[in-house]
PDB file of all heavy atoms in Angstrom:
ATOM      1  N   PRO A   1     118.859 144.503 105.392  1.00  0.00           N
ATOM      2  CA  PRO A   1     117.539 144.558 105.970  1.00  0.00           C
ATOM      3  C   PRO A   1     116.813 143.250 106.006  1.00  0.00           C
ATOM      4  O   PRO A   1     116.056 142.932 106.889  1.00  0.00           O
ATOM      5  CB  PRO A   1     116.756 145.585 105.136  1.00  0.00           C
ATOM      6  CG  PRO A   1     117.782 146.285 104.263  1.00  0.00           C
ATOM      7  CD  PRO A   1     118.987 145.399 104.254  1.00  0.00           C
ATOM      8  N   LEU A   2     117.043 142.436 104.943  1.00  0.00           N
ATOM      9  CA  LEU A   2     116.391 141.129 104.900  1.00  0.00           C
ATOM     10  C   LEU A   2     116.947 140.242 106.034  1.00  0.00           C
ATOM     11  O   LEU A   2     116.158 139.486 106.623  1.00  0.00           O
ATOM     12  CB  LEU A   2     116.654 140.455 103.530  1.00  0.00           C
ATOM     13  CG  LEU A   2     115.995 141.134 102.353  1.00  0.00           C
ATOM     14  CD1 LEU A   2     116.392 140.488 101.043  1.00  0.00           C
ATOM     15  CD2 LEU A   2     114.538 141.191 102.549  1.00  0.00           C
ATOM     16  N   ALA A   3     118.228 140.322 106.339  1.00  0.00           N
ATOM     17  CA  ALA A   3     118.783 139.579 107.452  1.00  0.00           C
ATOM     18  C   ALA A   3     118.165 140.003 108.806  1.00  0.00           C
ATOM     19  O   ALA A   3     117.899 139.194 109.660  1.00  0.00           O
ATOM     20  CB  ALA A   3     120.301 139.700 107.467  1.00  0.00           C
ATOM     21  N   VAL A   4     118.020 141.356 108.917  1.00  0.00           N
ATOM     22  CA  VAL A   4     117.365 141.847 110.161  1.00  0.00           C
ATOM     23  C   VAL A   4     115.948 141.291 110.322  1.00  0.00           C
ATOM     24  O   VAL A   4     115.545 140.827 111.365  1.00  0.00           O
ATOM     25  CB  VAL A   4     117.391 143.391 110.176  1.00  0.00           C
ATOM     26  CG1 VAL A   4     116.538 143.947 111.309  1.00  0.00           C
ATOM     27  CG2 VAL A   4     118.805 143.898 110.287  1.00  0.00           C
ATOM     28  N   LEU A   5     115.188 141.331 109.224  1.00  0.00           N
ATOM     29  CA  LEU A   5     113.817 140.810 109.262  1.00  0.00           C
ATOM     30  C   LEU A   5     113.761 139.316 109.514  1.00  0.00           C
ATOM     31  O   LEU A   5     112.916 138.840 110.251  1.00  0.00           O
ATOM     32  CB  LEU A   5     113.095 141.148 107.987  1.00  0.00           C
ATOM     33  CG  LEU A   5     112.747 142.662 107.789  1.00  0.00           C
ATOM     34  CD1 LEU A   5     112.178 142.847 106.373  1.00  0.00           C
ATOM     35  CD2 LEU A   5     111.747 143.066 108.875  1.00  0.00           C
ATOM     36  N   HIS A   6     114.766 138.633 108.943  1.00  0.00           N
ATOM     37  CA  HIS A   6     114.770 137.153 109.143  1.00  0.00           C
ATOM     38  C   HIS A   6     115.052 136.815 110.615  1.00  0.00           C
ATOM     39  O   HIS A   6     114.472 135.979 111.223  1.00  0.00           O
ATOM     40  CB  HIS A   6     115.858 136.521 108.234  1.00  0.00           C
ATOM     41  CG  HIS A   6     116.018 135.034 108.442  1.00  0.00           C
ATOM     42  ND1 HIS A   6     115.079 134.112 108.068  1.00  0.00           N
ATOM     43  CD2 HIS A   6     116.997 134.347 109.004  1.00  0.00           C
ATOM     44  CE1 HIS A   6     115.476 132.914 108.412  1.00  0.00           C
ATOM     45  NE2 HIS A   6     116.646 133.018 109.016  1.00  0.00           N
ATOM     46  N   ARG A   7     116.024 137.560 111.171  1.00  0.00           N
ATOM     47  CA  ARG A   7     116.341 137.355 112.601  1.00  0.00           C
ATOM     48  C   ARG A   7     115.173 137.716 113.505  1.00  0.00           C
ATOM     49  O   ARG A   7     114.903 137.034 114.475  1.00  0.00           O
ATOM     50  CB  ARG A   7     117.579 138.137 112.960  1.00  0.00           C
ATOM     51  CG  ARG A   7     118.089 137.901 114.367  1.00  0.00           C
ATOM     52  CD  ARG A   7     119.474 138.490 114.570  1.00  0.00           C
ATOM     53  NE  ARG A   7     119.923 138.101 115.860  1.00  0.00           N
ATOM     54  CZ  ARG A   7     120.317 138.969 116.763  1.00  0.00           C
ATOM     55  NH1 ARG A   7     120.409 140.242 116.450  1.00  0.00           N
ATOM     56  NH2 ARG A   7     120.719 138.571 117.971  1.00  0.00           N
ATOM     57  N   HIS A   8     114.495 138.756 113.151  1.00  0.00           N
ATOM     58  CA  HIS A   8     113.317 139.209 113.889  1.00  0.00           C
ATOM     59  C   HIS A   8     112.207 138.075 113.837  1.00  0.00           C
ATOM     60  O   HIS A   8     111.677 137.765 114.853  1.00  0.00           O
ATOM     61  CB  HIS A   8     112.759 140.489 113.259  1.00  0.00           C
ATOM     62  CG  HIS A   8     111.474 140.959 113.820  1.00  0.00           C
ATOM     63  ND1 HIS A   8     111.341 141.498 115.028  1.00  0.00           N
ATOM     64  CD2 HIS A   8     110.224 140.971 113.267  1.00  0.00           C
ATOM     65  CE1 HIS A   8     110.096 141.831 115.228  1.00  0.00           C
ATOM     66  NE2 HIS A   8     109.388 141.509 114.202  1.00  0.00           N
ATOM     67  N   ARG A   9     112.026 137.523 112.651  1.00  0.00           N
ATOM     68  CA  ARG A   9     111.000 136.465 112.517  1.00  0.00           C
ATOM     69  C   ARG A   9     111.388 135.210 113.291  1.00  0.00           C
ATOM     70  O   ARG A   9     110.569 134.564 113.917  1.00  0.00           O
ATOM     71  CB  ARG A   9     110.815 136.165 111.008  1.00  0.00           C
ATOM     72  CG  ARG A   9     109.933 134.968 110.704  1.00  0.00           C
ATOM     73  CD  ARG A   9     108.511 135.285 111.055  1.00  0.00           C
ATOM     74  NE  ARG A   9     107.680 134.149 110.940  1.00  0.00           N
ATOM     75  CZ  ARG A   9     106.916 133.869 109.882  1.00  0.00           C
ATOM     76  NH1 ARG A   9     106.908 134.703 108.898  1.00  0.00           N
ATOM     77  NH2 ARG A   9     106.210 132.779 109.864  1.00  0.00           N
ATOM     78  N   ARG A  10     112.699 134.832 113.279  1.00  0.00           N
ATOM     79  CA  ARG A  10     113.149 133.722 114.007  1.00  0.00           C
ATOM     80  C   ARG A  10     112.935 133.907 115.488  1.00  0.00           C
ATOM     81  O   ARG A  10     112.600 133.016 116.249  1.00  0.00           O
ATOM     82  CB  ARG A  10     114.591 133.396 113.694  1.00  0.00           C
ATOM     83  CG  ARG A  10     114.735 132.741 112.346  1.00  0.00           C
ATOM     84  CD  ARG A  10     116.178 132.361 112.038  1.00  0.00           C
ATOM     85  NE  ARG A  10     116.648 131.446 113.133  1.00  0.00           N
ATOM     86  CZ  ARG A  10     117.888 131.180 113.302  1.00  0.00           C
ATOM     87  NH1 ARG A  10     118.811 131.705 112.482  1.00  0.00           N
ATOM     88  NH2 ARG A  10     118.315 130.352 114.236  1.00  0.00           N
ATOM     89  N   GLY A  11     113.168 135.143 115.977  1.00  0.00           N
ATOM     90  CA  GLY A  11     112.896 135.424 117.383  1.00  0.00           C
ATOM     91  C   GLY A  11     111.453 135.242 117.810  1.00  0.00           C
ATOM     92  O   GLY A  11     111.142 134.766 118.871  1.00  0.00           O
ATOM     93  N   ILE A  12     110.586 135.704 116.919  1.00  0.00           N
ATOM     94  CA  ILE A  12     109.146 135.527 117.145  1.00  0.00           C
ATOM     95  C   ILE A  12     108.800 134.074 117.262  1.00  0.00           C
ATOM     96  O   ILE A  12     108.106 133.615 118.188  1.00  0.00           O
ATOM     97  CB  ILE A  12     108.304 136.226 116.062  1.00  0.00           C
ATOM     98  CG1 ILE A  12     108.463 137.762 116.118  1.00  0.00           C
ATOM     99  CG2 ILE A  12     106.814 135.841 116.191  1.00  0.00           C
ATOM    100  CD1 ILE A  12     107.875 138.489 114.991  1.00  0.00           C
ATOM    101  N   ASP A  13     109.227 133.315 116.297  1.00  0.00           N
ATOM    102  CA  ASP A  13     108.945 131.850 116.240  1.00  0.00           C
ATOM    103  C   ASP A  13     109.497 131.182 117.505  1.00  0.00           C
ATOM    104  O   ASP A  13     108.806 130.295 118.082  1.00  0.00           O
ATOM    105  CB  ASP A  13     109.477 131.201 114.987  1.00  0.00           C
ATOM    106  CG  ASP A  13     108.682 131.591 113.740  1.00  0.00           C
ATOM    107  OD1 ASP A  13     107.568 132.060 113.900  1.00  0.00           O
ATOM    108  OD2 ASP A  13     109.248 131.433 112.614  1.00  0.00           O
ATOM    109  N   GLU A  14     110.663 131.563 117.876  1.00  0.00           N
ATOM    110  CA  GLU A  14     111.304 130.934 119.095  1.00  0.00           C
ATOM    111  C   GLU A  14     110.479 131.289 120.345  1.00  0.00           C
ATOM    112  O   GLU A  14     110.277 130.434 121.207  1.00  0.00           O
ATOM    113  CB  GLU A  14     112.725 131.447 119.248  1.00  0.00           C
ATOM    114  CG  GLU A  14     113.461 130.817 120.390  1.00  0.00           C
ATOM    115  CD  GLU A  14     113.601 129.307 120.375  1.00  0.00           C
ATOM    116  OE1 GLU A  14     113.641 128.717 119.307  1.00  0.00           O
ATOM    117  OE2 GLU A  14     113.602 128.713 121.470  1.00  0.00           O
ATOM    118  N   ALA A  15     110.023 132.516 120.447  1.00  0.00           N
ATOM    119  CA  ALA A  15     109.198 132.960 121.595  1.00  0.00           C
ATOM    120  C   ALA A  15     107.916 132.160 121.665  1.00  0.00           C
ATOM    121  O   ALA A  15     107.497 131.726 122.740  1.00  0.00           O
ATOM    122  CB  ALA A  15     108.953 134.452 121.558  1.00  0.00           C
ATOM    123  N   VAL A  16     107.247 131.996 120.547  1.00  0.00           N
ATOM    124  CA  VAL A  16     105.989 131.256 120.511  1.00  0.00           C
ATOM    125  C   VAL A  16     106.247 129.759 120.837  1.00  0.00           C
ATOM    126  O   VAL A  16     105.462 129.144 121.619  1.00  0.00           O
ATOM    127  CB  VAL A  16     105.277 131.380 119.144  1.00  0.00           C
ATOM    128  CG1 VAL A  16     104.041 130.521 119.043  1.00  0.00           C
ATOM    129  CG2 VAL A  16     104.852 132.850 118.885  1.00  0.00           C
ATOM    130  N   ARG A  17     107.307 129.186 120.292  1.00  0.00           N
ATOM    131  CA  ARG A  17     107.652 127.834 120.583  1.00  0.00           C
ATOM    132  C   ARG A  17     107.916 127.607 122.073  1.00  0.00           C
ATOM    133  O   ARG A  17     107.414 126.680 122.715  1.00  0.00           O
ATOM    134  CB  ARG A  17     108.828 127.333 119.737  1.00  0.00           C
ATOM    135  CG  ARG A  17     109.088 125.877 119.906  1.00  0.00           C
ATOM    136  CD  ARG A  17     110.451 125.415 119.387  1.00  0.00           C
ATOM    137  NE  ARG A  17     111.502 126.089 120.136  1.00  0.00           N
ATOM    138  CZ  ARG A  17     111.899 125.786 121.363  1.00  0.00           C
ATOM    139  NH1 ARG A  17     111.294 124.853 122.070  1.00  0.00           N
ATOM    140  NH2 ARG A  17     112.923 126.410 121.939  1.00  0.00           N
ATOM    141  N   ALA A  18     108.628 128.541 122.651  1.00  0.00           N
ATOM    142  CA  ALA A  18     108.971 128.429 124.108  1.00  0.00           C
ATOM    143  C   ALA A  18     107.696 128.552 124.899  1.00  0.00           C
ATOM    144  O   ALA A  18     107.508 127.817 125.902  1.00  0.00           O
ATOM    145  CB  ALA A  18     109.946 129.536 124.510  1.00  0.00           C
ATOM    146  N   LYS A  19     106.793 129.465 124.545  1.00  0.00           N
ATOM    147  CA  LYS A  19     105.523 129.644 125.321  1.00  0.00           C
ATOM    148  C   LYS A  19     104.692 128.413 125.170  1.00  0.00           C
ATOM    149  O   LYS A  19     104.054 128.018 126.163  1.00  0.00           O
ATOM    150  CB  LYS A  19     104.809 130.901 124.799  1.00  0.00           C
ATOM    151  CG  LYS A  19     103.620 131.253 125.586  1.00  0.00           C
ATOM    152  CD  LYS A  19     104.004 131.670 126.995  1.00  0.00           C
ATOM    153  CE  LYS A  19     102.742 132.094 127.750  1.00  0.00           C
ATOM    154  NZ  LYS A  19     102.958 132.297 129.139  1.00  0.00           N
ATOM    155  N   THR A  20     104.597 127.788 123.987  1.00  0.00           N
ATOM    156  CA  THR A  20     103.760 126.601 123.845  1.00  0.00           C
ATOM    157  C   THR A  20     104.375 125.471 124.625  1.00  0.00           C
ATOM    158  O   THR A  20     103.639 124.635 125.163  1.00  0.00           O
ATOM    159  CB  THR A  20     103.554 126.204 122.352  1.00  0.00           C
ATOM    160  OG1 THR A  20     104.873 125.998 121.801  1.00  0.00           O
ATOM    161  CG2 THR A  20     102.789 127.245 121.588  1.00  0.00           C
ATOM    162  N   SER A  21     105.722 125.405 124.737  1.00  0.00           N
ATOM    163  CA  SER A  21     106.307 124.339 125.543  1.00  0.00           C
ATOM    164  C   SER A  21     105.990 124.496 126.993  1.00  0.00           C
ATOM    165  O   SER A  21     105.733 123.538 127.729  1.00  0.00           O
ATOM    166  CB  SER A  21     107.801 124.375 125.376  1.00  0.00           C
ATOM    167  OG  SER A  21     108.191 124.077 124.063  1.00  0.00           O
ATOM    168  N   GLU A  22     105.939 125.816 127.465  1.00  0.00           N
ATOM    169  CA  GLU A  22     105.538 126.021 128.846  1.00  0.00           C
ATOM    170  C   GLU A  22     104.086 125.692 129.100  1.00  0.00           C
ATOM    171  O   GLU A  22     103.732 125.208 130.154  1.00  0.00           O
ATOM    172  CB  GLU A  22     105.713 127.535 129.143  1.00  0.00           C
ATOM    173  CG  GLU A  22     107.120 128.022 129.296  1.00  0.00           C
ATOM    174  CD  GLU A  22     107.195 129.514 129.505  1.00  0.00           C
ATOM    175  OE1 GLU A  22     106.171 130.162 129.806  1.00  0.00           O
ATOM    176  OE2 GLU A  22     108.290 130.087 129.326  1.00  0.00           O
ATOM    177  N   MET A  23     103.228 125.886 128.103  1.00  0.00           N
ATOM    178  CA  MET A  23     101.805 125.686 128.249  1.00  0.00           C
ATOM    179  C   MET A  23     101.436 124.232 128.101  1.00  0.00           C
ATOM    180  O   MET A  23     100.289 123.806 128.382  1.00  0.00           O
ATOM    181  CB  MET A  23     101.047 126.512 127.264  1.00  0.00           C
ATOM    182  CG  MET A  23     101.145 127.977 127.443  1.00  0.00           C
ATOM    183  SD  MET A  23     100.397 128.911 126.141  1.00  0.00           S
ATOM    184  CE  MET A  23      98.669 128.407 126.265  1.00  0.00           C
ATOM    185  N   GLU A  24     102.371 123.354 127.707  1.00  0.00           N
ATOM    186  CA  GLU A  24     102.041 121.945 127.379  1.00  0.00           C
ATOM    187  C   GLU A  24     101.468 121.197 128.600  1.00  0.00           C
ATOM    188  O   GLU A  24     100.596 120.380 128.453  1.00  0.00           O
ATOM    189  CB  GLU A  24     103.332 121.215 126.872  1.00  0.00           C
ATOM    190  CG  GLU A  24     103.068 119.798 126.444  1.00  0.00           C
ATOM    191  CD  GLU A  24     102.132 119.655 125.231  1.00  0.00           C
ATOM    192  OE1 GLU A  24     102.162 120.520 124.359  1.00  0.00           O
ATOM    193  OE2 GLU A  24     101.382 118.625 125.211  1.00  0.00           O
ATOM    194  N   SER A  25     101.958 121.535 129.788  1.00  0.00           N
ATOM    195  CA  SER A  25     101.486 120.852 130.989  1.00  0.00           C
ATOM    196  C   SER A  25      99.977 121.168 131.292  1.00  0.00           C
ATOM    197  O   SER A  25      99.223 120.305 131.725  1.00  0.00           O
ATOM    198  CB  SER A  25     102.390 121.152 132.185  1.00  0.00           C
ATOM    199  OG  SER A  25     102.284 122.511 132.487  1.00  0.00           O
ATOM    200  N   THR A  26      99.585 122.419 131.067  1.00  0.00           N
ATOM    201  CA  THR A  26      98.195 122.799 131.328  1.00  0.00           C
ATOM    202  C   THR A  26      97.288 122.651 130.150  1.00  0.00           C
ATOM    203  O   THR A  26      96.091 122.580 130.303  1.00  0.00           O
ATOM    204  CB  THR A  26      98.151 124.224 131.810  1.00  0.00           C
ATOM    205  OG1 THR A  26      98.745 125.098 130.907  1.00  0.00           O
ATOM    206  CG2 THR A  26      98.841 124.386 133.173  1.00  0.00           C
ATOM    207  N   HIS A  27      97.878 122.652 128.921  1.00  0.00           N
ATOM    208  CA  HIS A  27      97.105 122.502 127.681  1.00  0.00           C
ATOM    209  C   HIS A  27      97.725 121.370 126.874  1.00  0.00           C
ATOM    210  O   HIS A  27      98.502 121.632 125.928  1.00  0.00           O
ATOM    211  CB  HIS A  27      97.124 123.813 126.891  1.00  0.00           C
ATOM    212  CG  HIS A  27      96.532 124.964 127.576  1.00  0.00           C
ATOM    213  ND1 HIS A  27      97.217 125.740 128.456  1.00  0.00           N
ATOM    214  CD2 HIS A  27      95.257 125.463 127.544  1.00  0.00           C
ATOM    215  CE1 HIS A  27      96.432 126.692 128.961  1.00  0.00           C
ATOM    216  NE2 HIS A  27      95.189 126.525 128.386  1.00  0.00           N
ATOM    217  N   PRO A  28      97.395 120.150 127.170  1.00  0.00           N
ATOM    218  CA  PRO A  28      98.026 119.039 126.447  1.00  0.00           C
ATOM    219  C   PRO A  28      97.719 119.079 124.943  1.00  0.00           C
ATOM    220  O   PRO A  28      96.562 119.319 124.534  1.00  0.00           O
ATOM    221  CB  PRO A  28      97.346 117.775 127.086  1.00  0.00           C
ATOM    222  CG  PRO A  28      96.592 118.248 128.254  1.00  0.00           C
ATOM    223  CD  PRO A  28      96.415 119.710 128.165  1.00  0.00           C
ATOM    224  N   GLY A  29      98.755 118.928 124.171  1.00  0.00           N
ATOM    225  CA  GLY A  29      98.601 118.861 122.706  1.00  0.00           C
ATOM    226  C   GLY A  29      98.870 120.231 122.014  1.00  0.00           C
ATOM    227  O   GLY A  29      98.855 120.267 120.826  1.00  0.00           O
ATOM    228  N   ILE A  30      99.146 121.273 122.766  1.00  0.00           N
ATOM    229  CA  ILE A  30      99.368 122.561 122.168  1.00  0.00           C
ATOM    230  C   ILE A  30     100.714 122.611 121.391  1.00  0.00           C
ATOM    231  O   ILE A  30     100.771 123.308 120.368  1.00  0.00           O
ATOM    232  CB  ILE A  30      99.258 123.736 123.209  1.00  0.00           C
ATOM    233  CG1 ILE A  30      99.078 125.062 122.433  1.00  0.00           C
ATOM    234  CG2 ILE A  30     100.422 123.713 124.132  1.00  0.00           C
ATOM    235  CD1 ILE A  30      98.661 126.180 123.271  1.00  0.00           C
ATOM    236  N   SER A  31     101.699 121.882 121.873  1.00  0.00           N
ATOM    237  CA  SER A  31     102.927 121.849 121.131  1.00  0.00           C
ATOM    238  C   SER A  31     102.823 121.157 119.781  1.00  0.00           C
ATOM    239  O   SER A  31     103.363 121.637 118.801  1.00  0.00           O
ATOM    240  CB  SER A  31     104.047 121.152 121.934  1.00  0.00           C
ATOM    241  OG  SER A  31     104.361 121.882 123.108  1.00  0.00           O
ATOM    242  N   GLU A  32     102.075 120.116 119.786  1.00  0.00           N
ATOM    243  CA  GLU A  32     101.795 119.405 118.524  1.00  0.00           C
ATOM    244  C   GLU A  32     100.963 120.332 117.562  1.00  0.00           C
ATOM    245  O   GLU A  32     101.230 120.393 116.369  1.00  0.00           O
ATOM    246  CB  GLU A  32     101.028 118.095 118.768  1.00  0.00           C
ATOM    247  CG  GLU A  32     100.694 117.339 117.520  1.00  0.00           C
ATOM    248  CD  GLU A  32      99.786 116.160 117.837  1.00  0.00           C
ATOM    249  OE1 GLU A  32     100.046 115.476 118.883  1.00  0.00           O
ATOM    250  OE2 GLU A  32      98.915 115.887 117.071  1.00  0.00           O
ATOM    251  N   ALA A  33      99.988 120.990 118.154  1.00  0.00           N
ATOM    252  CA  ALA A  33      99.209 121.931 117.356  1.00  0.00           C
ATOM    253  C   ALA A  33     100.067 123.050 116.800  1.00  0.00           C
ATOM    254  O   ALA A  33      99.859 123.502 115.643  1.00  0.00           O
ATOM    255  CB  ALA A  33      98.052 122.483 118.187  1.00  0.00           C
ATOM    256  N   TYR A  34     101.018 123.540 117.594  1.00  0.00           N
ATOM    257  CA  TYR A  34     101.919 124.574 117.137  1.00  0.00           C
ATOM    258  C   TYR A  34     102.757 124.074 115.969  1.00  0.00           C
ATOM    259  O   TYR A  34     102.925 124.807 114.979  1.00  0.00           O
ATOM    260  CB  TYR A  34     102.814 125.099 118.289  1.00  0.00           C
ATOM    261  CG  TYR A  34     103.964 125.936 117.781  1.00  0.00           C
ATOM    262  CD1 TYR A  34     103.664 127.249 117.311  1.00  0.00           C
ATOM    263  CD2 TYR A  34     105.226 125.477 117.684  1.00  0.00           C
ATOM    264  CE1 TYR A  34     104.636 128.055 116.820  1.00  0.00           C
ATOM    265  CE2 TYR A  34     106.281 126.286 117.203  1.00  0.00           C
ATOM    266  CZ  TYR A  34     105.968 127.539 116.790  1.00  0.00           C
ATOM    267  OH  TYR A  34     106.999 128.353 116.242  1.00  0.00           O
ATOM    268  N   ARG A  35     103.281 122.887 116.051  1.00  0.00           N
ATOM    269  CA  ARG A  35     104.076 122.380 114.938  1.00  0.00           C
ATOM    270  C   ARG A  35     103.275 122.283 113.699  1.00  0.00           C
ATOM    271  O   ARG A  35     103.778 122.581 112.584  1.00  0.00           O
ATOM    272  CB  ARG A  35     104.704 121.037 115.364  1.00  0.00           C
ATOM    273  CG  ARG A  35     105.922 121.222 116.290  1.00  0.00           C
ATOM    274  CD  ARG A  35     106.663 119.863 116.443  1.00  0.00           C
ATOM    275  NE  ARG A  35     105.825 118.833 117.098  1.00  0.00           N
ATOM    276  CZ  ARG A  35     105.687 118.740 118.456  1.00  0.00           C
ATOM    277  NH1 ARG A  35     106.285 119.586 119.240  1.00  0.00           N
ATOM    278  NH2 ARG A  35     104.924 117.765 118.932  1.00  0.00           N
ATOM    279  N   GLU A  36     102.038 121.842 113.808  1.00  0.00           N
ATOM    280  CA  GLU A  36     101.190 121.773 112.659  1.00  0.00           C
ATOM    281  C   GLU A  36     100.828 123.161 112.127  1.00  0.00           C
ATOM    282  O   GLU A  36     100.826 123.420 110.935  1.00  0.00           O
ATOM    283  CB  GLU A  36      99.894 120.960 112.977  1.00  0.00           C
ATOM    284  CG  GLU A  36      99.004 120.704 111.804  1.00  0.00           C
ATOM    285  CD  GLU A  36      97.772 119.904 112.182  1.00  0.00           C
ATOM    286  OE1 GLU A  36      97.708 119.313 113.253  1.00  0.00           O
ATOM    287  OE2 GLU A  36      96.842 119.910 111.320  1.00  0.00           O
ATOM    288  N   TRP A  37     100.496 124.041 113.054  1.00  0.00           N
ATOM    289  CA  TRP A  37     100.113 125.417 112.644  1.00  0.00           C
ATOM    290  C   TRP A  37     101.307 126.105 112.009  1.00  0.00           C
ATOM    291  O   TRP A  37     101.158 126.817 111.006  1.00  0.00           O
ATOM    292  CB  TRP A  37      99.753 126.159 113.949  1.00  0.00           C
ATOM    293  CG  TRP A  37      99.364 127.593 113.801  1.00  0.00           C
ATOM    294  CD1 TRP A  37      98.162 128.060 113.382  1.00  0.00           C
ATOM    295  CD2 TRP A  37     100.181 128.746 114.078  1.00  0.00           C
ATOM    296  NE1 TRP A  37      98.185 129.473 113.391  1.00  0.00           N
ATOM    297  CE2 TRP A  37      99.438 129.887 113.793  1.00  0.00           C
ATOM    298  CE3 TRP A  37     101.499 128.874 114.518  1.00  0.00           C
ATOM    299  CZ2 TRP A  37      99.951 131.142 114.013  1.00  0.00           C
ATOM    300  CZ3 TRP A  37     101.986 130.153 114.726  1.00  0.00           C
ATOM    301  CH2 TRP A  37     101.174 131.254 114.421  1.00  0.00           C
ATOM    302  N   ARG A  38     102.498 125.881 112.490  1.00  0.00           N
ATOM    303  CA  ARG A  38     103.737 126.513 111.994  1.00  0.00           C
ATOM    304  C   ARG A  38     104.075 125.982 110.613  1.00  0.00           C
ATOM    305  O   ARG A  38     104.451 126.720 109.711  1.00  0.00           O
ATOM    306  CB  ARG A  38     104.866 126.290 112.988  1.00  0.00           C
ATOM    307  CG  ARG A  38     106.228 126.689 112.466  1.00  0.00           C
ATOM    308  CD  ARG A  38     106.397 128.159 112.623  1.00  0.00           C
ATOM    309  NE  ARG A  38     107.756 128.514 112.285  1.00  0.00           N
ATOM    310  CZ  ARG A  38     108.146 128.973 111.096  1.00  0.00           C
ATOM    311  NH1 ARG A  38     107.280 129.079 110.162  1.00  0.00           N
ATOM    312  NH2 ARG A  38     109.436 129.232 110.886  1.00  0.00           N
ATOM    313  N   GLY A  39     103.972 124.692 110.430  1.00  0.00           N
ATOM    314  CA  GLY A  39     104.408 124.089 109.185  1.00  0.00           C
ATOM    315  C   GLY A  39     103.348 123.781 108.179  1.00  0.00           C
ATOM    316  O   GLY A  39     103.646 123.673 107.015  1.00  0.00           O
ATOM    317  N   GLY A  40     102.111 123.756 108.591  1.00  0.00           N
ATOM    318  CA  GLY A  40     101.033 123.282 107.758  1.00  0.00           C
ATOM    319  C   GLY A  40     100.511 124.305 106.743  1.00  0.00           C
ATOM    320  O   GLY A  40     100.930 124.406 105.598  1.00  0.00           O
ATOM    321  N   ASN A  41      99.622 125.145 107.194  1.00  0.00           N
ATOM    322  CA  ASN A  41      98.884 125.985 106.297  1.00  0.00           C
ATOM    323  C   ASN A  41      99.573 127.292 105.922  1.00  0.00           C
ATOM    324  O   ASN A  41      99.205 127.900 104.980  1.00  0.00           O
ATOM    325  CB  ASN A  41      97.496 126.335 106.893  1.00  0.00           C
ATOM    326  CG  ASN A  41      97.624 127.016 108.230  1.00  0.00           C
ATOM    327  OD1 ASN A  41      98.723 127.456 108.644  1.00  0.00           O
ATOM    328  ND2 ASN A  41      96.516 127.143 108.907  1.00  0.00           N
ATOM    329  N   GLY A  42     100.590 127.680 106.616  1.00  0.00           N
ATOM    330  CA  GLY A  42     101.301 128.924 106.290  1.00  0.00           C
ATOM    331  C   GLY A  42     100.558 130.195 106.562  1.00  0.00           C
ATOM    332  O   GLY A  42     101.049 131.271 106.311  1.00  0.00           O
TER     333      GLY A  42
END
């Protein structure tokens, strides 16, 4: 079950990362903000 949850979480993170990459052209700096948001405060 832990492996299933880990894979689920990775899928969520990948989806958010892909969406922020798509939004980078219309929202400059969102990819950088995502990296900080993802790794910074938890």
